[in-house]
PDB file of N, CA and C in Angstrom:
ATOM      1  N   MET A   1      95.827  91.017  94.653  1.00  0.00           N
ATOM      2  CA  MET A   1      96.368  92.143  95.133  1.00  0.00           C
ATOM      3  C   MET A   1      96.764  91.501  96.259  1.00  0.00           C
ATOM      4  N   SER A   2      95.515  91.098  96.812  1.00  0.00           N
ATOM      5  CA  SER A   2      96.178  90.964  98.638  1.00  0.00           C
ATOM      6  C   SER A   2      97.596  90.549  98.425  1.00  0.00           C
ATOM      7  N   GLY A   3      97.675  90.814  99.665  1.00  0.00           N
ATOM      8  CA  GLY A   3      98.901  90.222 100.974  1.00  0.00           C
ATOM      9  C   GLY A   3      99.469  91.145 100.363  1.00  0.00           C
ATOM     10  N   LYS A   4      99.580  92.473  99.880  1.00  0.00           N
ATOM     11  CA  LYS A   4      99.944  93.996 100.099  1.00  0.00           C
ATOM     12  C   LYS A   4     100.253  94.747 101.233  1.00  0.00           C
ATOM     13  N   THR A   5     100.700  95.658 101.145  1.00  0.00           N
ATOM     14  CA  THR A   5     100.550  96.197 102.929  1.00  0.00           C
ATOM     15  C   THR A   5     100.251  97.458 102.578  1.00  0.00           C
ATOM     16  N   ILE A   6      99.027  98.183 102.686  1.00  0.00           N
ATOM     17  CA  ILE A   6      98.168  99.207 102.520  1.00  0.00           C
ATOM     18  C   ILE A   6      99.067 100.463 104.752  1.00  0.00           C
ATOM     19  N   LEU A   7      99.541 101.185 104.653  1.00  0.00           N
ATOM     20  CA  LEU A   7      99.479 102.177 106.130  1.00  0.00           C
ATOM     21  C   LEU A   7      98.410 103.217 105.797  1.00  0.00           C
ATOM     22  N   VAL A   8      97.727 102.959 106.448  1.00  0.00           N
ATOM     23  CA  VAL A   8      96.385 104.375 106.329  1.00  0.00           C
ATOM     24  C   VAL A   8      96.554 105.109 107.860  1.00  0.00           C
ATOM     25  N   VAL A   9      96.571 106.297 107.260  1.00  0.00           N
ATOM     26  CA  VAL A   9      96.910 107.198 107.724  1.00  0.00           C
ATOM     27  C   VAL A   9      95.683 108.055 107.935  1.00  0.00           C
ATOM     28  N   ASP A  10      95.001 108.311 109.647  1.00  0.00           N
ATOM     29  CA  ASP A  10      94.242 109.336 109.810  1.00  0.00           C
ATOM     30  C   ASP A  10      94.041 109.897 111.570  1.00  0.00           C
ATOM     31  N   ASP A  11      93.432 110.594 111.382  1.00  0.00           N
ATOM     32  CA  ASP A  11      93.389 110.701 113.003  1.00  0.00           C
ATOM     33  C   ASP A  11      92.577 110.602 113.399  1.00  0.00           C
ATOM     34  N   GLU A  12      91.164 109.956 112.744  1.00  0.00           N
ATOM     35  CA  GLU A  12      90.286 109.941 113.644  1.00  0.00           C
ATOM     36  C   GLU A  12      89.814 108.094 113.666  1.00  0.00           C
ATOM     37  N   LEU A  13      90.111 107.676 114.914  1.00  0.00           N
ATOM     38  CA  LEU A  13      90.208 106.415 115.493  1.00  0.00           C
ATOM     39  C   LEU A  13      88.655 105.081 114.495  1.00  0.00           C
ATOM     40  N   ILE A  14      87.408 105.600 114.042  1.00  0.00           N
ATOM     41  CA  ILE A  14      86.361 105.131 113.691  1.00  0.00           C
ATOM     42  C   ILE A  14      86.995 104.813 112.491  1.00  0.00           C
ATOM     43  N   ILE A  15      87.059 105.839 111.162  1.00  0.00           N
ATOM     44  CA  ILE A  15      88.204 105.470 110.587  1.00  0.00           C
ATOM     45  C   ILE A  15      89.361 104.330 110.117  1.00  0.00           C
ATOM     46  N   ARG A  16      90.254 104.663 111.180  1.00  0.00           N
ATOM     47  CA  ARG A  16      91.208 103.901 111.038  1.00  0.00           C
ATOM     48  C   ARG A  16      90.367 102.379 111.379  1.00  0.00           C
ATOM     49  N   ASP A  17      89.772 102.128 111.941  1.00  0.00           N
ATOM     50  CA  ASP A  17      89.441 100.736 113.009  1.00  0.00           C
ATOM     51  C   ASP A  17      88.485 100.316 111.928  1.00  0.00           C
ATOM     52  N   LEU A  18      87.559 101.425 110.804  1.00  0.00           N
ATOM     53  CA  LEU A  18      86.986 100.806 109.535  1.00  0.00           C
ATOM     54  C   LEU A  18      87.844 100.495 108.701  1.00  0.00           C
ATOM     55  N   LEU A  19      88.704 101.206 108.562  1.00  0.00           N
ATOM     56  CA  LEU A  19      89.313 100.942 107.246  1.00  0.00           C
ATOM     57  C   LEU A  19      90.639  99.109 107.160  1.00  0.00           C
ATOM     58  N   PHE A  20      91.039  99.207 108.495  1.00  0.00           N
ATOM     59  CA  PHE A  20      91.411  98.150 109.178  1.00  0.00           C
ATOM     60  C   PHE A  20      90.850  96.891 108.963  1.00  0.00           C
ATOM     61  N   ARG A  21      89.674  96.573 109.554  1.00  0.00           N
ATOM     62  CA  ARG A  21      88.817  95.968 109.135  1.00  0.00           C
ATOM     63  C   ARG A  21      88.505  95.326 107.590  1.00  0.00           C
ATOM     64  N   SER A  22      87.670  96.354 107.229  1.00  0.00           N
ATOM     65  CA  SER A  22      87.791  95.860 105.466  1.00  0.00           C
ATOM     66  C   SER A  22      88.646  95.520 104.624  1.00  0.00           C
ATOM     67  N   LEU A  23      90.106  95.808 104.313  1.00  0.00           N
ATOM     68  CA  LEU A  23      91.461  95.845 104.514  1.00  0.00           C
ATOM     69  C   LEU A  23      91.819  94.484 104.810  1.00  0.00           C
ATOM     70  N   SER A  24      91.720  94.048 105.780  1.00  0.00           N
ATOM     71  CA  SER A  24      91.870  92.535 106.025  1.00  0.00           C
ATOM     72  C   SER A  24      91.159  91.506 105.409  1.00  0.00           C
ATOM     73  N   GLN A  25      89.635  92.307 106.185  1.00  0.00           N
ATOM     74  CA  GLN A  25      89.167  90.335 105.479  1.00  0.00           C
ATOM     75  C   GLN A  25      89.677  90.405 104.087  1.00  0.00           C
ATOM     76  N   ASN A  26      90.015  91.053 103.131  1.00  0.00           N
ATOM     77  CA  ASN A  26      90.238  91.103 102.186  1.00  0.00           C
ATOM     78  C   ASN A  26      91.826  90.878 101.472  1.00  0.00           C
ATOM     79  N   ASP A  27      92.853  90.217 102.600  1.00  0.00           N
ATOM     80  CA  ASP A  27      93.748  89.836 103.015  1.00  0.00           C
ATOM     81  C   ASP A  27      95.330  90.712 102.641  1.00  0.00           C
ATOM     82  N   TYR A  28      94.842  92.098 103.295  1.00  0.00           N
ATOM     83  CA  TYR A  28      95.791  93.172 102.677  1.00  0.00           C
ATOM     84  C   TYR A  28      96.330  93.774 104.424  1.00  0.00           C
ATOM     85  N   ARG A  29      97.542  93.570 104.344  1.00  0.00           N
ATOM     86  CA  ARG A  29      98.607  93.833 105.755  1.00  0.00           C
ATOM     87  C   ARG A  29      98.017  95.429 106.157  1.00  0.00           C
ATOM     88  N   VAL A  30      97.454  95.877 107.136  1.00  0.00           N
ATOM     89  CA  VAL A  30      97.230  96.760 107.089  1.00  0.00           C
ATOM     90  C   VAL A  30      98.240  97.560 108.207  1.00  0.00           C
ATOM     91  N   ILE A  31      98.783  98.255 108.339  1.00  0.00           N
ATOM     92  CA  ILE A  31      99.363  99.515 109.049  1.00  0.00           C
ATOM     93  C   ILE A  31      98.827 100.567 109.746  1.00  0.00           C
ATOM     94  N   LEU A  32      98.583 101.320 110.458  1.00  0.00           N
ATOM     95  CA  LEU A  32      97.988 101.959 110.888  1.00  0.00           C
ATOM     96  C   LEU A  32      98.606 103.490 111.643  1.00  0.00           C
ATOM     97  N   ALA A  33      98.903 104.339 111.562  1.00  0.00           N
ATOM     98  CA  ALA A  33      99.141 105.945 111.945  1.00  0.00           C
ATOM     99  C   ALA A  33      98.227 106.692 112.320  1.00  0.00           C
ATOM    100  N   ARG A  34      98.034 107.352 113.681  1.00  0.00           N
ATOM    101  CA  ARG A  34      98.027 108.015 113.948  1.00  0.00           C
ATOM    102  C   ARG A  34      97.486 110.527 113.289  1.00  0.00           C
ATOM    103  N   ASP A  35      98.531 109.855 113.248  1.00  0.00           N
ATOM    104  CA  ASP A  35      99.150 111.728 112.933  1.00  0.00           C
ATOM    105  C   ASP A  35      99.885 111.448 111.170  1.00  0.00           C
ATOM    106  N   GLY A  36     100.235 112.296 110.626  1.00  0.00           N
ATOM    107  CA  GLY A  36     101.055 112.338 109.828  1.00  0.00           C
ATOM    108  C   GLY A  36     102.697 112.087 110.261  1.00  0.00           C
ATOM    109  N   PHE A  37     102.896 112.771 111.508  1.00  0.00           N
ATOM    110  CA  PHE A  37     104.315 112.085 111.880  1.00  0.00           C
ATOM    111  C   PHE A  37     104.979 110.648 112.076  1.00  0.00           C
ATOM    112  N   GLU A  38     103.704 110.228 112.840  1.00  0.00           N
ATOM    113  CA  GLU A  38     103.960 108.866 112.568  1.00  0.00           C
ATOM    114  C   GLU A  38     103.671 108.071 111.537  1.00  0.00           C
ATOM    115  N   ALA A  39     102.871 108.186 110.257  1.00  0.00           N
ATOM    116  CA  ALA A  39     103.209 108.245 109.272  1.00  0.00           C
ATOM    117  C   ALA A  39     104.600 108.284 108.951  1.00  0.00           C
ATOM    118  N   ILE A  40     105.030 109.344 108.664  1.00  0.00           N
ATOM    119  CA  ILE A  40     106.129 109.513 108.193  1.00  0.00           C
ATOM    120  C   ILE A  40     107.202 108.704 108.983  1.00  0.00           C
ATOM    121  N   ASP A  41     107.151 108.816 110.207  1.00  0.00           N
ATOM    122  CA  ASP A  41     107.972 107.511 110.790  1.00  0.00           C
ATOM    123  C   ASP A  41     108.443 106.289 110.668  1.00  0.00           C
ATOM    124  N   ILE A  42     106.809 105.066 110.108  1.00  0.00           N
ATOM    125  CA  ILE A  42     106.130 104.537 109.986  1.00  0.00           C
ATOM    126  C   ILE A  42     107.035 103.792 108.458  1.00  0.00           C
ATOM    127  N   TYR A  43     106.663 104.603 108.085  1.00  0.00           N
ATOM    128  CA  TYR A  43     107.216 105.041 106.462  1.00  0.00           C
ATOM    129  C   TYR A  43     108.378 104.807 105.889  1.00  0.00           C
ATOM    130  N   LYS A  44     109.716 105.820 106.640  1.00  0.00           N
ATOM    131  CA  LYS A  44     110.894 105.785 106.764  1.00  0.00           C
ATOM    132  C   LYS A  44     111.158 103.922 107.066  1.00  0.00           C
ATOM    133  N   ALA A  45     110.961 103.512 108.296  1.00  0.00           N
ATOM    134  CA  ALA A  45     111.179 102.172 108.116  1.00  0.00           C
ATOM    135  C   ALA A  45     110.608 101.227 107.209  1.00  0.00           C
ATOM    136  N   GLN A  46     109.586 101.290 106.833  1.00  0.00           N
ATOM    137  CA  GLN A  46     108.948 100.511 106.370  1.00  0.00           C
ATOM    138  C   GLN A  46     108.741 100.326 104.663  1.00  0.00           C
ATOM    139  N   THR A  47     109.439 101.511 104.093  1.00  0.00           N
ATOM    140  CA  THR A  47     109.330 102.086 102.994  1.00  0.00           C
ATOM    141  C   THR A  47     109.649 100.761 101.643  1.00  0.00           C
ATOM    142  N   GLU A  48     109.850  99.960 102.363  1.00  0.00           N
ATOM    143  CA  GLU A  48     110.084  98.753 100.680  1.00  0.00           C
ATOM    144  C   GLU A  48     109.308  97.543 100.804  1.00  0.00           C
ATOM    145  N   LYS A  49     108.319  97.918 102.305  1.00  0.00           N
ATOM    146  CA  LYS A  49     107.206  97.373 101.901  1.00  0.00           C
ATOM    147  C   LYS A  49     105.826  97.243 102.077  1.00  0.00           C
ATOM    148  N   ILE A  50     105.846  98.458 102.402  1.00  0.00           N
ATOM    149  CA  ILE A  50     104.333  99.477 102.048  1.00  0.00           C
ATOM    150  C   ILE A  50     104.185  99.426 100.226  1.00  0.00           C
ATOM    151  N   ASP A  51     102.654  99.296  99.927  1.00  0.00           N
ATOM    152  CA  ASP A  51     102.469  99.268  98.756  1.00  0.00           C
ATOM    153  C   ASP A  51     102.090 100.489  98.691  1.00  0.00           C
ATOM    154  N   VAL A  52     100.914 101.093  99.378  1.00  0.00           N
ATOM    155  CA  VAL A  52     100.275 102.151  99.104  1.00  0.00           C
ATOM    156  C   VAL A  52     100.804 102.883 100.386  1.00  0.00           C
ATOM    157  N   VAL A  53      99.729 104.447 100.146  1.00  0.00           N
ATOM    158  CA  VAL A  53      99.810 104.867 101.775  1.00  0.00           C
ATOM    159  C   VAL A  53      98.229 105.757 101.569  1.00  0.00           C
ATOM    160  N   ILE A  54      96.896 105.169 102.255  1.00  0.00           N
ATOM    161  CA  ILE A  54      95.329 105.614 102.235  1.00  0.00           C
ATOM    162  C   ILE A  54      95.884 106.992 103.213  1.00  0.00           C
ATOM    163  N   LEU A  55      95.961 108.567 102.724  1.00  0.00           N
ATOM    164  CA  LEU A  55      96.339 109.864 103.538  1.00  0.00           C
ATOM    165  C   LEU A  55      94.869 110.355 103.972  1.00  0.00           C
ATOM    166  N   ASP A  56      94.482 110.792 105.306  1.00  0.00           N
ATOM    167  CA  ASP A  56      93.642 111.394 105.331  1.00  0.00           C
ATOM    168  C   ASP A  56      94.010 113.141 104.799  1.00  0.00           C
ATOM    169  N   LEU A  57      93.495 114.029 104.533  1.00  0.00           N
ATOM    170  CA  LEU A  57      93.848 115.085 104.386  1.00  0.00           C
ATOM    171  C   LEU A  57      93.555 116.022 105.173  1.00  0.00           C
ATOM    172  N   GLN A  58      92.846 116.261 105.701  1.00  0.00           N
ATOM    173  CA  GLN A  58      92.663 116.945 106.975  1.00  0.00           C
ATOM    174  C   GLN A  58      93.037 116.607 108.458  1.00  0.00           C
ATOM    175  N   MET A  59      94.300 116.772 108.972  1.00  0.00           N
ATOM    176  CA  MET A  59      94.770 116.001 110.053  1.00  0.00           C
ATOM    177  C   MET A  59      95.159 117.375 111.202  1.00  0.00           C
ATOM    178  N   PRO A  60      95.126 117.053 112.290  1.00  0.00           N
ATOM    179  CA  PRO A  60      95.847 118.215 113.308  1.00  0.00           C
ATOM    180  C   PRO A  60      97.556 117.875 113.487  1.00  0.00           C
ATOM    181  N   LYS A  61      98.102 119.076 113.446  1.00  0.00           N
ATOM    182  CA  LYS A  61      99.823 119.442 113.233  1.00  0.00           C
ATOM    183  C   LYS A  61      99.962 119.262 112.115  1.00  0.00           C
ATOM    184  N   MET A  62      99.653 117.707 110.525  1.00  0.00           N
ATOM    185  CA  MET A  62     100.641 117.786 109.547  1.00  0.00           C
ATOM    186  C   MET A  62      99.171 117.445 108.629  1.00  0.00           C
ATOM    187  N   ASN A  63      98.887 118.557 107.986  1.00  0.00           N
ATOM    188  CA  ASN A  63      98.222 118.297 107.010  1.00  0.00           C
ATOM    189  C   ASN A  63      98.849 116.883 106.016  1.00  0.00           C
ATOM    190  N   GLY A  64      97.422 116.366 104.834  1.00  0.00           N
ATOM    191  CA  GLY A  64      97.692 115.467 104.079  1.00  0.00           C
ATOM    192  C   GLY A  64      98.920 115.069 102.723  1.00  0.00           C
ATOM    193  N   ILE A  65      98.517 116.957 102.268  1.00  0.00           N
ATOM    194  CA  ILE A  65      99.436 117.360 101.493  1.00  0.00           C
ATOM    195  C   ILE A  65     101.424 117.330 101.739  1.00  0.00           C
ATOM    196  N   GLU A  66     101.187 118.447 103.241  1.00  0.00           N
ATOM    197  CA  GLU A  66     102.132 118.035 103.995  1.00  0.00           C
ATOM    198  C   GLU A  66     103.282 116.967 103.967  1.00  0.00           C
ATOM    199  N   VAL A  67     102.313 115.702 104.499  1.00  0.00           N
ATOM    200  CA  VAL A  67     103.239 114.226 104.961  1.00  0.00           C
ATOM    201  C   VAL A  67     103.431 113.844 103.438  1.00  0.00           C
ATOM    202  N   LEU A  68     102.269 113.621 102.166  1.00  0.00           N
ATOM    203  CA  LEU A  68     102.349 113.721 100.854  1.00  0.00           C
ATOM    204  C   LEU A  68     104.277 113.884 100.819  1.00  0.00           C
ATOM    205  N   LYS A  69     103.649 114.928 101.069  1.00  0.00           N
ATOM    206  CA  LYS A  69     105.382 115.568 100.059  1.00  0.00           C
ATOM    207  C   LYS A  69     106.656 115.188 100.950  1.00  0.00           C
ATOM    208  N   LYS A  70     106.500 114.777 102.353  1.00  0.00           N
ATOM    209  CA  LYS A  70     107.215 114.241 103.015  1.00  0.00           C
ATOM    210  C   LYS A  70     107.955 112.927 102.707  1.00  0.00           C
ATOM    211  N   LEU A  71     106.685 111.612 102.716  1.00  0.00           N
ATOM    212  CA  LEU A  71     106.212 110.755 101.724  1.00  0.00           C
ATOM    213  C   LEU A  71     107.163 110.618 100.764  1.00  0.00           C
ATOM    214  N   ARG A  72     107.087 111.543  99.315  1.00  0.00           N
ATOM    215  CA  ARG A  72     108.427 112.193  98.017  1.00  0.00           C
ATOM    216  C   ARG A  72     109.392 112.035  98.099  1.00  0.00           C
ATOM    217  N   THR A  73     109.699 112.596  99.392  1.00  0.00           N
ATOM    218  CA  THR A  73     111.311 112.587  99.874  1.00  0.00           C
ATOM    219  C   THR A  73     111.994 111.665  99.967  1.00  0.00           C
ATOM    220  N   ILE A  74     111.410 110.523 100.607  1.00  0.00           N
ATOM    221  CA  ILE A  74     111.579 109.343 101.292  1.00  0.00           C
ATOM    222  C   ILE A  74     111.571 108.566 100.350  1.00  0.00           C
ATOM    223  N   ASN A  75     110.362 108.321  99.171  1.00  0.00           N
ATOM    224  CA  ASN A  75     110.529 107.551  97.767  1.00  0.00           C
ATOM    225  C   ASN A  75     109.623 108.358  96.629  1.00  0.00           C
ATOM    226  N   PRO A  76     109.910 109.042  96.008  1.00  0.00           N
ATOM    227  CA  PRO A  76     109.366 109.421  95.251  1.00  0.00           C
ATOM    228  C   PRO A  76     108.484 109.171  94.100  1.00  0.00           C
ATOM    229  N   ASN A  77     108.405 108.017  94.163  1.00  0.00           N
ATOM    230  CA  ASN A  77     107.364 106.915  93.451  1.00  0.00           C
ATOM    231  C   ASN A  77     106.310 105.919  94.752  1.00  0.00           C
ATOM    232  N   VAL A  78     105.778 106.896  95.921  1.00  0.00           N
ATOM    233  CA  VAL A  78     104.930 106.855  97.009  1.00  0.00           C
ATOM    234  C   VAL A  78     103.901 106.676  96.216  1.00  0.00           C
ATOM    235  N   SER A  79     102.880 105.579  96.090  1.00  0.00           N
ATOM    236  CA  SER A  79     101.483 105.928  95.819  1.00  0.00           C
ATOM    237  C   SER A  79     100.500 105.639  97.135  1.00  0.00           C
ATOM    238  N   VAL A  80     100.353 106.711  96.650  1.00  0.00           N
ATOM    239  CA  VAL A  80      99.127 107.837  97.958  1.00  0.00           C
ATOM    240  C   VAL A  80      97.289 107.730  97.220  1.00  0.00           C
ATOM    241  N   ILE A  81      96.687 107.345  97.992  1.00  0.00           N
ATOM    242  CA  ILE A  81      95.316 107.873  97.910  1.00  0.00           C
ATOM    243  C   ILE A  81      95.365 108.390  99.287  1.00  0.00           C
ATOM    244  N   LEU A  82      94.725 110.082  98.590  1.00  0.00           N
ATOM    245  CA  LEU A  82      94.553 111.245  99.360  1.00  0.00           C
ATOM    246  C   LEU A  82      92.313 111.016  99.852  1.00  0.00           C
ATOM    247  N   SER A  83      92.850 110.844 100.821  1.00  0.00           N
ATOM    248  CA  SER A  83      90.580 110.765 101.240  1.00  0.00           C
ATOM    249  C   SER A  83      90.719 112.607 102.201  1.00  0.00           C
ATOM    250  N   SER A  84      88.770 112.689 101.245  1.00  0.00           N
ATOM    251  CA  SER A  84      88.141 114.024 102.283  1.00  0.00           C
ATOM    252  C   SER A  84      87.034 114.473 102.317  1.00  0.00           C
ATOM    253  N   GLY A  85      86.109 114.562 103.275  1.00  0.00           N
ATOM    254  CA  GLY A  85      85.269 115.085 102.549  1.00  0.00           C
ATOM    255  C   GLY A  85      85.576 116.169 101.949  1.00  0.00           C
ATOM    256  N   TYR A  86      85.856 116.553 101.782  1.00  0.00           N
ATOM    257  CA  TYR A  86      85.720 117.996 101.422  1.00  0.00           C
ATOM    258  C   TYR A  86      86.067 118.441 100.240  1.00  0.00           C
ATOM    259  N   VAL A  87      85.669 118.049  98.740  1.00  0.00           N
ATOM    260  CA  VAL A  87      86.005 117.876  97.736  1.00  0.00           C
ATOM    261  C   VAL A  87      86.571 119.418  97.198  1.00  0.00           C
ATOM    262  N   GLU A  88      86.454 120.499  97.420  1.00  0.00           N
ATOM    263  CA  GLU A  88      86.722 121.690  96.824  1.00  0.00           C
ATOM    264  C   GLU A  88      88.299 121.945  96.862  1.00  0.00           C
ATOM    265  N   LEU A  89      88.128 121.544  98.579  1.00  0.00           N
ATOM    266  CA  LEU A  89      89.621 121.568  99.213  1.00  0.00           C
ATOM    267  C   LEU A  89      90.650 120.623  98.313  1.00  0.00           C
ATOM    268  N   LEU A  90      90.373 119.789  98.227  1.00  0.00           N
ATOM    269  CA  LEU A  90      91.106 118.616  97.436  1.00  0.00           C
ATOM    270  C   LEU A  90      91.398 118.754  96.100  1.00  0.00           C
ATOM    271  N   ASN A  91      90.096 119.726  95.483  1.00  0.00           N
ATOM    272  CA  ASN A  91      90.563 120.173  94.277  1.00  0.00           C
ATOM    273  C   ASN A  91      91.394 121.148  94.183  1.00  0.00           C
ATOM    274  N   ARG A  92      91.924 122.002  94.949  1.00  0.00           N
ATOM    275  CA  ARG A  92      92.216 122.549  95.121  1.00  0.00           C
ATOM    276  C   ARG A  92      93.883 122.813  94.978  1.00  0.00           C
ATOM    277  N   GLU A  93      93.922 122.058  96.717  1.00  0.00           N
ATOM    278  CA  GLU A  93      95.249 121.261  96.786  1.00  0.00           C
ATOM    279  C   GLU A  93      95.590 120.668  96.313  1.00  0.00           C
ATOM    280  N   LEU A  94      94.966 119.862  95.355  1.00  0.00           N
ATOM    281  CA  LEU A  94      95.807 118.884  94.283  1.00  0.00           C
ATOM    282  C   LEU A  94      96.162 119.230  92.477  1.00  0.00           C
ATOM    283  N   ALA A  95      95.261 120.727  92.710  1.00  0.00           N
ATOM    284  CA  ALA A  95      95.632 121.141  91.113  1.00  0.00           C
ATOM    285  C   ALA A  95      97.359 121.035  90.722  1.00  0.00           C
ATOM    286  N   GLY A  96      97.391 120.179  89.720  1.00  0.00           N
ATOM    287  CA  GLY A  96      98.182 120.221  88.981  1.00  0.00           C
ATOM    288  C   GLY A  96      99.631 119.908  89.240  1.00  0.00           C
ATOM    289  N   GLU A  97      99.570 120.037  90.771  1.00  0.00           N
ATOM    290  CA  GLU A  97     101.092 119.150  91.193  1.00  0.00           C
ATOM    291  C   GLU A  97     100.869 117.721  91.758  1.00  0.00           C
ATOM    292  N   PHE A  98      99.736 117.003  91.603  1.00  0.00           N
ATOM    293  CA  PHE A  98      99.674 115.511  92.163  1.00  0.00           C
ATOM    294  C   PHE A  98      99.243 114.561  91.561  1.00  0.00           C
ATOM    295  N   GLU A  99      99.150 114.545  90.087  1.00  0.00           N
ATOM    296  CA  GLU A  99      97.786 114.374  89.481  1.00  0.00           C
ATOM    297  C   GLU A  99      97.879 112.619  89.085  1.00  0.00           C
ATOM    298  N   ASP A 100      99.080 112.421  89.550  1.00  0.00           N
ATOM    299  CA  ASP A 100      99.334 110.966  89.914  1.00  0.00           C
ATOM    300  C   ASP A 100      98.531 109.990  91.584  1.00  0.00           C
ATOM    301  N   ILE A 101      97.464 110.890  92.345  1.00  0.00           N
ATOM    302  CA  ILE A 101      96.947 110.551  93.398  1.00  0.00           C
ATOM    303  C   ILE A 101      95.968 109.879  92.627  1.00  0.00           C
ATOM    304  N   GLU A 102      95.734 109.119  93.388  1.00  0.00           N
ATOM    305  CA  GLU A 102      94.199 108.390  93.577  1.00  0.00           C
ATOM    306  C   GLU A 102      93.911 109.542  94.961  1.00  0.00           C
ATOM    307  N   ILE A 103      92.111 109.668  93.953  1.00  0.00           N
ATOM    308  CA  ILE A 103      91.623 110.316  95.456  1.00  0.00           C
ATOM    309  C   ILE A 103      90.174 109.345  96.273  1.00  0.00           C
ATOM    310  N   LEU A 104      89.896 109.513  96.999  1.00  0.00           N
ATOM    311  CA  LEU A 104      88.516 109.346  97.782  1.00  0.00           C
ATOM    312  C   LEU A 104      88.137 109.956  98.625  1.00  0.00           C
ATOM    313  N   VAL A 105      86.609 110.326  97.696  1.00  0.00           N
ATOM    314  CA  VAL A 105      85.852 111.559  98.455  1.00  0.00           C
ATOM    315  C   VAL A 105      84.907 111.020  99.772  1.00  0.00           C
ATOM    316  N   LYS A 106      85.308 111.131 100.846  1.00  0.00           N
ATOM    317  CA  LYS A 106      84.156 110.906 102.308  1.00  0.00           C
ATOM    318  C   LYS A 106      82.936 111.242 101.855  1.00  0.00           C
ATOM    319  N   PRO A 107      81.765 110.660 102.896  1.00  0.00           N
ATOM    320  CA  PRO A 107      82.045 109.281 102.796  1.00  0.00           C
ATOM    321  C   PRO A 107      81.613 108.705 101.789  1.00  0.00           C
ATOM    322  N   TYR A 108      82.528 107.759 101.045  1.00  0.00           N
ATOM    323  CA  TYR A 108      82.727 106.956 100.177  1.00  0.00           C
ATOM    324  C   TYR A 108      82.044 104.816 100.263  1.00  0.00           C
ATOM    325  N   LEU A 109      82.208 104.216  99.591  1.00  0.00           N
ATOM    326  CA  LEU A 109      80.867 102.813  99.327  1.00  0.00           C
ATOM    327  C   LEU A 109      83.055 102.230  99.856  1.00  0.00           C
ATOM    328  N   ILE A 110      82.367 101.074 100.605  1.00  0.00           N
ATOM    329  CA  ILE A 110      84.222  99.805 100.736  1.00  0.00           C
ATOM    330  C   ILE A 110      84.162  99.853  99.119  1.00  0.00           C
ATOM    331  N   THR A 111      83.568  99.228  98.181  1.00  0.00           N
ATOM    332  CA  THR A 111      83.747  98.991  96.728  1.00  0.00           C
ATOM    333  C   THR A 111      84.916 100.509  96.066  1.00  0.00           C
ATOM    334  N   GLU A 112      84.159 101.623  96.123  1.00  0.00           N
ATOM    335  CA  GLU A 112      85.566 102.386  95.901  1.00  0.00           C
ATOM    336  C   GLU A 112      86.987 102.435  96.627  1.00  0.00           C
ATOM    337  N   LEU A 113      86.887 101.594  97.601  1.00  0.00           N
ATOM    338  CA  LEU A 113      88.246 101.918  98.213  1.00  0.00           C
ATOM    339  C   LEU A 113      89.010 100.926  97.887  1.00  0.00           C
ATOM    340  N   TYR A 114      88.358 100.149  97.377  1.00  0.00           N
ATOM    341  CA  TYR A 114      89.108  98.775  96.843  1.00  0.00           C
ATOM    342  C   TYR A 114      89.699  99.266  95.752  1.00  0.00           C
ATOM    343  N   LYS A 115      88.760  99.875  94.284  1.00  0.00           N
ATOM    344  CA  LYS A 115      88.672 100.156  93.223  1.00  0.00           C
ATOM    345  C   LYS A 115      90.575 101.233  93.576  1.00  0.00           C
ATOM    346  N   ALA A 116      89.954 102.142  94.429  1.00  0.00           N
ATOM    347  CA  ALA A 116      91.509 103.049  95.263  1.00  0.00           C
ATOM    348  C   ALA A 116      92.844 102.277  94.634  1.00  0.00           C
ATOM    349  N   VAL A 117      92.088 101.294  95.744  1.00  0.00           N
ATOM    350  CA  VAL A 117      93.425 100.864  96.165  1.00  0.00           C
ATOM    351  C   VAL A 117      93.791  99.868  95.550  1.00  0.00           C
ATOM    352  N   GLN A 118      93.342  99.534  94.809  1.00  0.00           N
ATOM    353  CA  GLN A 118      94.066  98.760  93.001  1.00  0.00           C
ATOM    354  C   GLN A 118      95.013 100.063  92.492  1.00  0.00           C
ATOM    355  N   ASN A 119      93.769 101.122  91.256  1.00  0.00           N
ATOM    356  CA  ASN A 119      94.217 101.244  90.872  1.00  0.00           C
ATOM    357  C   ASN A 119      95.397 102.178  91.532  1.00  0.00           C
ATOM    358  N   ALA A 120      95.391 102.685  92.173  1.00  0.00           N
ATOM    359  CA  ALA A 120      96.675 103.351  93.649  1.00  0.00           C
ATOM    360  C   ALA A 120      98.432 102.192  93.318  1.00  0.00           C
ATOM    361  N   MET A 121      97.950 100.864  93.471  1.00  0.00           N
ATOM    362  CA  MET A 121      99.034  99.866  93.270  1.00  0.00           C
ATOM    363  C   MET A 121      99.435  99.638  91.311  1.00  0.00           C
ATOM    364  N   LYS A 122      98.726  99.554  90.853  1.00  0.00           N
ATOM    365  CA  LYS A 122      98.477  98.847  89.392  1.00  0.00           C
ATOM    366  C   LYS A 122      99.796 100.908  88.529  1.00  0.00           C
ATOM    367  N   VAL A 123      99.269 101.485  89.302  1.00  0.00           N
ATOM    368  CA  VAL A 123     100.220 103.473  89.192  1.00  0.00           C
ATOM    369  C   VAL A 123     101.500 102.940  90.381  1.00  0.00           C
ATOM    370  N   GLY A 124     102.093 102.417  90.909  1.00  0.00           N
ATOM    371  CA  GLY A 124     103.061 102.093  91.841  1.00  0.00           C
ATOM    372  C   GLY A 124     103.388 100.974  90.865  1.00  0.00           C
ATOM    373  N   THR A 125     103.470 100.265  89.823  1.00  0.00           N
ATOM    374  CA  THR A 125     103.995  99.021  89.782  1.00  0.00           C
ATOM    375  C   THR A 125     104.694  99.856  87.733  1.00  0.00           C
ATOM    376  N   ILE A 126     104.019 100.783  87.790  1.00  0.00           N
ATOM    377  CA  ILE A 126     105.019 101.508  86.234  1.00  0.00           C
ATOM    378  C   ILE A 126     105.808 101.866  86.439  1.00  0.00           C
TER     379      ILE A 126
END
């Protein structure tokens, strides 16, 4: 799965940096976005190159669900990993509407990150 491109969307610099370093070490190409607006612009410009989007649920200006819905208007088959430290909020937001989304509950282990990325890439190839 190395050599694939992942768009990381998180408003926290430390999370973006950690994901960039962790994923880059496994030969993934990583693109970073600070918020949903930047993520949508990047995705529009590079839809064909981006294999997976790792998306924080809680961000200022536009939350992860709003970003996900906009990404789906660009590409209905976009592979997304939604991440949050609030399990109850994740469950409520995803109830029935986004069953094909990979979930990463913060804090997570790097091995959980890699597993979620691999699962999301498998979903995206179907």
